[in-house]
Amino acid sequence: MNENVYWMLDLSVKEGALENFRRLMEEMVESTRANEPGTLNYEWSISDDGKHCHIYERYADSMATLAHLETFGNRYAERFMQSVDISRFMVYGNPSEEVRKAMSGLGTVFMSPFGGFAR
């Protein structure tokens, strides 16, 4: 069974926060790339008007997910939430109970595998 944990965050960028959010994104992307080998995908997309952002993240397993969540909570969460509102947070895969608990306060919807395949 695939142990990956992945999600899509749908965010609304707060008025006047785009440049601070852009700088935060650059810092987070570089830190994640350099320090979290269990991060398989870490992709940010922004709408043409800079008002909406989607973030796709995929982790090798629940341990890698927890490592990222710890770094995010300790270093970035406050600044992140000053810049955006979470519109939707969909989590996929088979996250551990510890991961589910860590993410539960964010309006997270957990989606369990139902069918299909990955190559």
N, C-alpha and C. Protein backbone atom coordinates (compact mmCIF):
# COMPACT_ATOMS: atom_id res chain seq x y z
N MET A 1 0.83 -1.19 0.00
CA MET A 1 0.00 0.00 0.00
C MET A 1 0.88 1.25 0.00
N ASN A 2 0.48 2.24 -0.73
CA ASN A 2 1.18 3.51 -0.82
C ASN A 2 1.04 4.24 0.52
N GLU A 3 2.14 4.70 1.06
CA GLU A 3 2.13 5.38 2.37
C GLU A 3 2.11 6.90 2.23
N ASN A 4 2.07 7.40 1.00
CA ASN A 4 2.08 8.85 0.79
C ASN A 4 0.90 9.53 1.48
N VAL A 5 1.18 10.72 1.99
CA VAL A 5 0.15 11.61 2.51
C VAL A 5 0.26 12.88 1.67
N TYR A 6 -0.86 13.35 1.16
CA TYR A 6 -0.80 14.53 0.31
C TYR A 6 -2.06 15.37 0.49
N TRP A 7 -1.94 16.63 0.09
CA TRP A 7 -3.08 17.52 0.25
C TRP A 7 -3.07 18.65 -0.74
N MET A 8 -4.24 19.28 -0.82
CA MET A 8 -4.43 20.50 -1.60
C MET A 8 -5.03 21.53 -0.67
N LEU A 9 -4.33 22.63 -0.55
CA LEU A 9 -4.82 23.79 0.21
C LEU A 9 -5.34 24.82 -0.78
N ASP A 10 -6.52 25.31 -0.55
CA ASP A 10 -7.11 26.38 -1.35
C ASP A 10 -7.17 27.60 -0.44
N LEU A 11 -6.43 28.65 -0.80
CA LEU A 11 -6.26 29.81 0.07
C LEU A 11 -6.74 31.08 -0.60
N SER A 12 -7.22 32.01 0.21
CA SER A 12 -7.51 33.37 -0.23
C SER A 12 -6.46 34.27 0.38
N VAL A 13 -5.77 35.03 -0.46
CA VAL A 13 -4.73 35.93 0.02
C VAL A 13 -5.41 37.19 0.56
N LYS A 14 -5.03 37.57 1.76
CA LYS A 14 -5.63 38.76 2.38
C LYS A 14 -5.20 40.03 1.66
N GLU A 15 -6.09 41.01 1.69
CA GLU A 15 -5.84 42.30 1.05
C GLU A 15 -4.52 42.89 1.54
N GLY A 16 -3.65 43.26 0.61
CA GLY A 16 -2.38 43.89 0.94
C GLY A 16 -1.29 42.94 1.43
N ALA A 17 -1.55 41.62 1.42
CA ALA A 17 -0.60 40.66 1.99
C ALA A 17 0.22 39.92 0.94
N LEU A 18 -0.01 40.18 -0.34
CA LEU A 18 0.61 39.36 -1.38
C LEU A 18 2.14 39.38 -1.33
N GLU A 19 2.76 40.53 -1.18
CA GLU A 19 4.22 40.57 -1.19
C GLU A 19 4.82 39.87 0.03
N ASN A 20 4.24 40.06 1.19
CA ASN A 20 4.71 39.33 2.38
C ASN A 20 4.51 37.83 2.19
N PHE A 21 3.39 37.44 1.60
CA PHE A 21 3.11 36.03 1.34
C PHE A 21 4.12 35.46 0.34
N ARG A 22 4.47 36.24 -0.67
CA ARG A 22 5.45 35.79 -1.66
C ARG A 22 6.82 35.54 -1.00
N ARG A 23 7.24 36.46 -0.16
CA ARG A 23 8.52 36.28 0.55
C ARG A 23 8.47 35.06 1.47
N LEU A 24 7.35 34.87 2.16
CA LEU A 24 7.20 33.71 3.03
C LEU A 24 7.25 32.43 2.22
N MET A 25 6.56 32.41 1.07
CA MET A 25 6.57 31.23 0.21
C MET A 25 8.00 30.89 -0.20
N GLU A 26 8.77 31.88 -0.62
CA GLU A 26 10.15 31.62 -1.04
C GLU A 26 10.96 31.02 0.10
N GLU A 27 10.80 31.55 1.29
CA GLU A 27 11.50 31.03 2.46
C GLU A 27 11.08 29.59 2.77
N MET A 28 9.78 29.34 2.73
CA MET A 28 9.27 28.00 3.04
C MET A 28 9.70 26.98 1.99
N VAL A 29 9.64 27.36 0.72
CA VAL A 29 10.04 26.44 -0.35
C VAL A 29 11.52 26.07 -0.21
N GLU A 30 12.36 27.07 0.00
CA GLU A 30 13.80 26.79 0.12
C GLU A 30 14.10 25.92 1.35
N SER A 31 13.49 26.24 2.47
CA SER A 31 13.70 25.45 3.69
C SER A 31 13.23 24.01 3.52
N THR A 32 12.07 23.84 2.93
CA THR A 32 11.53 22.50 2.73
C THR A 32 12.41 21.71 1.77
N ARG A 33 12.82 22.33 0.68
CA ARG A 33 13.68 21.66 -0.29
C ARG A 33 15.00 21.22 0.36
N ALA A 34 15.59 22.07 1.19
CA ALA A 34 16.91 21.80 1.77
C ALA A 34 16.87 20.84 2.95
N ASN A 35 15.76 20.83 3.71
CA ASN A 35 15.78 20.14 5.00
C ASN A 35 14.78 19.01 5.18
N GLU A 36 13.94 18.76 4.20
CA GLU A 36 12.90 17.75 4.36
C GLU A 36 12.91 16.77 3.19
N PRO A 37 13.80 15.77 3.23
CA PRO A 37 13.91 14.83 2.11
C PRO A 37 12.66 13.99 1.89
N GLY A 38 11.78 13.90 2.87
CA GLY A 38 10.54 13.14 2.73
C GLY A 38 9.45 13.91 2.02
N THR A 39 9.73 15.16 1.65
CA THR A 39 8.78 15.95 0.87
C THR A 39 8.99 15.62 -0.60
N LEU A 40 7.97 15.05 -1.22
CA LEU A 40 8.06 14.61 -2.61
C LEU A 40 7.58 15.67 -3.59
N ASN A 41 6.55 16.41 -3.23
CA ASN A 41 6.04 17.53 -4.03
C ASN A 41 5.74 18.68 -3.08
N TYR A 42 6.04 19.88 -3.54
CA TYR A 42 5.76 21.09 -2.76
C TYR A 42 5.55 22.20 -3.77
N GLU A 43 4.33 22.33 -4.27
CA GLU A 43 4.04 23.17 -5.42
C GLU A 43 3.00 24.23 -5.06
N TRP A 44 3.34 25.48 -5.31
CA TRP A 44 2.47 26.62 -5.03
C TRP A 44 2.03 27.24 -6.35
N SER A 45 0.75 27.56 -6.48
CA SER A 45 0.21 28.22 -7.67
C SER A 45 -0.63 29.41 -7.22
N ILE A 46 -0.54 30.51 -7.98
CA ILE A 46 -1.26 31.74 -7.63
C ILE A 46 -2.11 32.17 -8.82
N SER A 47 -3.28 32.70 -8.55
CA SER A 47 -4.15 33.20 -9.61
C SER A 47 -3.55 34.47 -10.22
N ASP A 48 -3.97 34.80 -11.42
CA ASP A 48 -3.45 35.98 -12.12
C ASP A 48 -3.64 37.25 -11.32
N ASP A 49 -4.73 37.34 -10.56
CA ASP A 49 -4.99 38.56 -9.78
C ASP A 49 -4.33 38.54 -8.40
N GLY A 50 -3.63 37.44 -8.06
CA GLY A 50 -2.93 37.33 -6.78
C GLY A 50 -3.84 37.17 -5.57
N LYS A 51 -5.09 36.80 -5.80
CA LYS A 51 -6.04 36.69 -4.69
C LYS A 51 -6.26 35.26 -4.21
N HIS A 52 -5.86 34.28 -5.01
CA HIS A 52 -6.09 32.88 -4.66
C HIS A 52 -4.81 32.09 -4.86
N CYS A 53 -4.55 31.18 -3.95
CA CYS A 53 -3.36 30.34 -4.02
C CYS A 53 -3.76 28.90 -3.74
N HIS A 54 -3.21 27.98 -4.51
CA HIS A 54 -3.34 26.55 -4.24
C HIS A 54 -1.96 26.02 -3.90
N ILE A 55 -1.90 25.19 -2.89
CA ILE A 55 -0.64 24.54 -2.53
C ILE A 55 -0.88 23.03 -2.54
N TYR A 56 -0.07 22.34 -3.34
CA TYR A 56 -0.11 20.88 -3.40
C TYR A 56 1.15 20.37 -2.71
N GLU A 57 0.96 19.53 -1.71
CA GLU A 57 2.08 18.95 -0.97
C GLU A 57 1.90 17.44 -0.91
N ARG A 58 3.00 16.71 -1.09
CA ARG A 58 2.96 15.25 -1.00
C ARG A 58 4.19 14.79 -0.24
N TYR A 59 3.96 13.90 0.72
CA TYR A 59 5.01 13.40 1.61
C TYR A 59 5.11 11.89 1.50
N ALA A 60 6.30 11.37 1.72
CA ALA A 60 6.56 9.95 1.57
C ALA A 60 5.70 9.11 2.51
N ASP A 61 5.46 9.64 3.71
CA ASP A 61 4.71 8.88 4.72
C ASP A 61 4.32 9.82 5.86
N SER A 62 3.68 9.27 6.87
CA SER A 62 3.22 10.09 8.00
C SER A 62 4.38 10.69 8.78
N MET A 63 5.50 10.00 8.87
CA MET A 63 6.66 10.55 9.59
C MET A 63 7.17 11.82 8.90
N ALA A 64 7.27 11.79 7.58
CA ALA A 64 7.71 12.96 6.83
C ALA A 64 6.69 14.09 6.96
N THR A 65 5.42 13.74 6.99
CA THR A 65 4.36 14.74 7.17
C THR A 65 4.49 15.41 8.52
N LEU A 66 4.70 14.63 9.56
CA LEU A 66 4.85 15.20 10.90
C LEU A 66 6.07 16.10 11.00
N ALA A 67 7.16 15.72 10.34
CA ALA A 67 8.36 16.57 10.35
C ALA A 67 8.04 17.92 9.72
N HIS A 68 7.30 17.91 8.61
CA HIS A 68 6.94 19.17 7.97
C HIS A 68 5.99 19.99 8.85
N LEU A 69 5.00 19.34 9.41
CA LEU A 69 4.04 20.06 10.26
C LEU A 69 4.72 20.70 11.46
N GLU A 70 5.71 20.03 12.02
CA GLU A 70 6.44 20.59 13.16
C GLU A 70 7.20 21.85 12.75
N THR A 71 7.90 21.77 11.63
CA THR A 71 8.62 22.95 11.13
C THR A 71 7.66 24.08 10.81
N PHE A 72 6.57 23.75 10.14
CA PHE A 72 5.57 24.77 9.79
C PHE A 72 5.03 25.44 11.05
N GLY A 73 4.66 24.65 12.05
CA GLY A 73 4.11 25.21 13.28
C GLY A 73 5.10 26.08 14.02
N ASN A 74 6.34 25.65 14.09
CA ASN A 74 7.36 26.39 14.84
C ASN A 74 7.86 27.64 14.13
N ARG A 75 7.91 27.61 12.79
CA ARG A 75 8.58 28.69 12.07
C ARG A 75 7.67 29.57 11.20
N TYR A 76 6.55 29.01 10.72
CA TYR A 76 5.82 29.71 9.66
C TYR A 76 4.34 29.94 9.91
N ALA A 77 3.72 29.18 10.76
CA ALA A 77 2.26 29.21 10.87
C ALA A 77 1.70 30.60 11.15
N GLU A 78 2.30 31.32 12.06
CA GLU A 78 1.77 32.63 12.43
C GLU A 78 1.80 33.59 11.23
N ARG A 79 2.93 33.66 10.55
CA ARG A 79 3.04 34.56 9.39
C ARG A 79 2.14 34.09 8.24
N PHE A 80 2.03 32.78 8.07
CA PHE A 80 1.18 32.22 7.03
C PHE A 80 -0.27 32.65 7.24
N MET A 81 -0.77 32.48 8.46
CA MET A 81 -2.16 32.81 8.75
C MET A 81 -2.41 34.32 8.76
N GLN A 82 -1.38 35.13 8.91
CA GLN A 82 -1.53 36.58 8.78
C GLN A 82 -1.74 36.99 7.32
N SER A 83 -1.33 36.13 6.40
CA SER A 83 -1.38 36.45 4.97
C SER A 83 -2.56 35.84 4.23
N VAL A 84 -3.10 34.73 4.73
CA VAL A 84 -4.14 34.02 3.98
C VAL A 84 -5.26 33.52 4.89
N ASP A 85 -6.37 33.22 4.25
CA ASP A 85 -7.47 32.48 4.88
C ASP A 85 -7.58 31.16 4.15
N ILE A 86 -7.80 30.08 4.90
CA ILE A 86 -7.95 28.76 4.30
C ILE A 86 -9.40 28.62 3.83
N SER A 87 -9.57 28.39 2.53
CA SER A 87 -10.90 28.17 1.98
C SER A 87 -11.26 26.69 2.01
N ARG A 88 -10.27 25.83 1.71
CA ARG A 88 -10.49 24.39 1.70
C ARG A 88 -9.16 23.70 1.94
N PHE A 89 -9.21 22.63 2.74
CA PHE A 89 -8.01 21.86 3.04
C PHE A 89 -8.38 20.38 2.92
N MET A 90 -8.01 19.77 1.80
CA MET A 90 -8.35 18.38 1.52
C MET A 90 -7.08 17.53 1.65
N VAL A 91 -7.14 16.50 2.49
CA VAL A 91 -6.00 15.61 2.74
C VAL A 91 -6.33 14.22 2.22
N TYR A 92 -5.36 13.63 1.52
CA TYR A 92 -5.54 12.33 0.87
C TYR A 92 -4.49 11.34 1.36
N GLY A 93 -4.78 10.06 1.15
CA GLY A 93 -3.86 9.01 1.53
C GLY A 93 -4.31 8.34 2.81
N ASN A 94 -3.34 7.83 3.54
CA ASN A 94 -3.61 7.12 4.79
C ASN A 94 -2.78 7.73 5.92
N PRO A 95 -3.08 8.97 6.30
CA PRO A 95 -2.29 9.58 7.38
C PRO A 95 -2.53 8.87 8.71
N SER A 96 -1.49 8.84 9.52
CA SER A 96 -1.61 8.24 10.85
C SER A 96 -2.56 9.06 11.72
N GLU A 97 -2.97 8.47 12.82
CA GLU A 97 -3.84 9.19 13.76
C GLU A 97 -3.13 10.44 14.29
N GLU A 98 -1.82 10.36 14.46
CA GLU A 98 -1.06 11.51 14.94
C GLU A 98 -1.11 12.66 13.93
N VAL A 99 -1.00 12.34 12.65
CA VAL A 99 -1.12 13.36 11.61
C VAL A 99 -2.53 13.93 11.60
N ARG A 100 -3.53 13.06 11.66
CA ARG A 100 -4.93 13.52 11.67
C ARG A 100 -5.17 14.48 12.84
N LYS A 101 -4.66 14.14 13.99
CA LYS A 101 -4.84 14.98 15.16
C LYS A 101 -4.15 16.33 14.97
N ALA A 102 -2.94 16.32 14.42
CA ALA A 102 -2.18 17.55 14.22
C ALA A 102 -2.87 18.49 13.23
N MET A 103 -3.64 17.94 12.30
CA MET A 103 -4.28 18.75 11.25
C MET A 103 -5.75 19.04 11.52
N SER A 104 -6.30 18.50 12.56
CA SER A 104 -7.75 18.54 12.76
C SER A 104 -8.31 19.92 13.04
N GLY A 105 -7.55 20.85 13.53
CA GLY A 105 -8.08 22.16 13.89
C GLY A 105 -8.15 23.15 12.75
N LEU A 106 -7.90 22.71 11.53
CA LEU A 106 -7.81 23.63 10.40
C LEU A 106 -8.98 23.47 9.42
N GLY A 107 -10.06 22.83 9.86
CA GLY A 107 -11.17 22.59 8.95
C GLY A 107 -10.84 21.56 7.90
N THR A 108 -9.94 20.67 8.21
CA THR A 108 -9.44 19.67 7.28
C THR A 108 -10.49 18.62 6.96
N VAL A 109 -10.58 18.26 5.68
CA VAL A 109 -11.41 17.15 5.24
C VAL A 109 -10.46 16.03 4.83
N PHE A 110 -10.59 14.87 5.46
CA PHE A 110 -9.74 13.72 5.15
C PHE A 110 -10.47 12.83 4.15
N MET A 111 -9.79 12.52 3.05
CA MET A 111 -10.35 11.70 2.00
C MET A 111 -9.59 10.37 1.98
N SER A 112 -10.31 9.26 2.17
CA SER A 112 -9.69 7.93 2.18
C SER A 112 -9.67 7.35 0.77
N PRO A 113 -8.63 6.55 0.46
CA PRO A 113 -8.58 5.91 -0.85
C PRO A 113 -9.86 5.10 -1.10
N PHE A 114 -10.36 5.20 -2.33
CA PHE A 114 -11.61 4.55 -2.68
C PHE A 114 -11.46 3.67 -3.91
N GLY A 115 -10.51 4.00 -4.77
CA GLY A 115 -10.28 3.23 -5.98
C GLY A 115 -9.25 3.92 -6.85
N GLY A 116 -8.83 3.26 -7.91
CA GLY A 116 -7.89 3.84 -8.85
C GLY A 116 -6.49 3.29 -8.68
N PHE A 117 -5.53 3.97 -9.28
CA PHE A 117 -4.13 3.54 -9.18
C PHE A 117 -3.21 4.72 -9.41
N ALA A 118 -1.95 4.54 -9.03
CA ALA A 118 -0.90 5.51 -9.31
C ALA A 118 0.25 4.78 -9.96
N ARG A 119 0.89 5.39 -10.90
CA ARG A 119 2.05 4.75 -11.57
C ARG A 119 3.32 5.28 -10.97
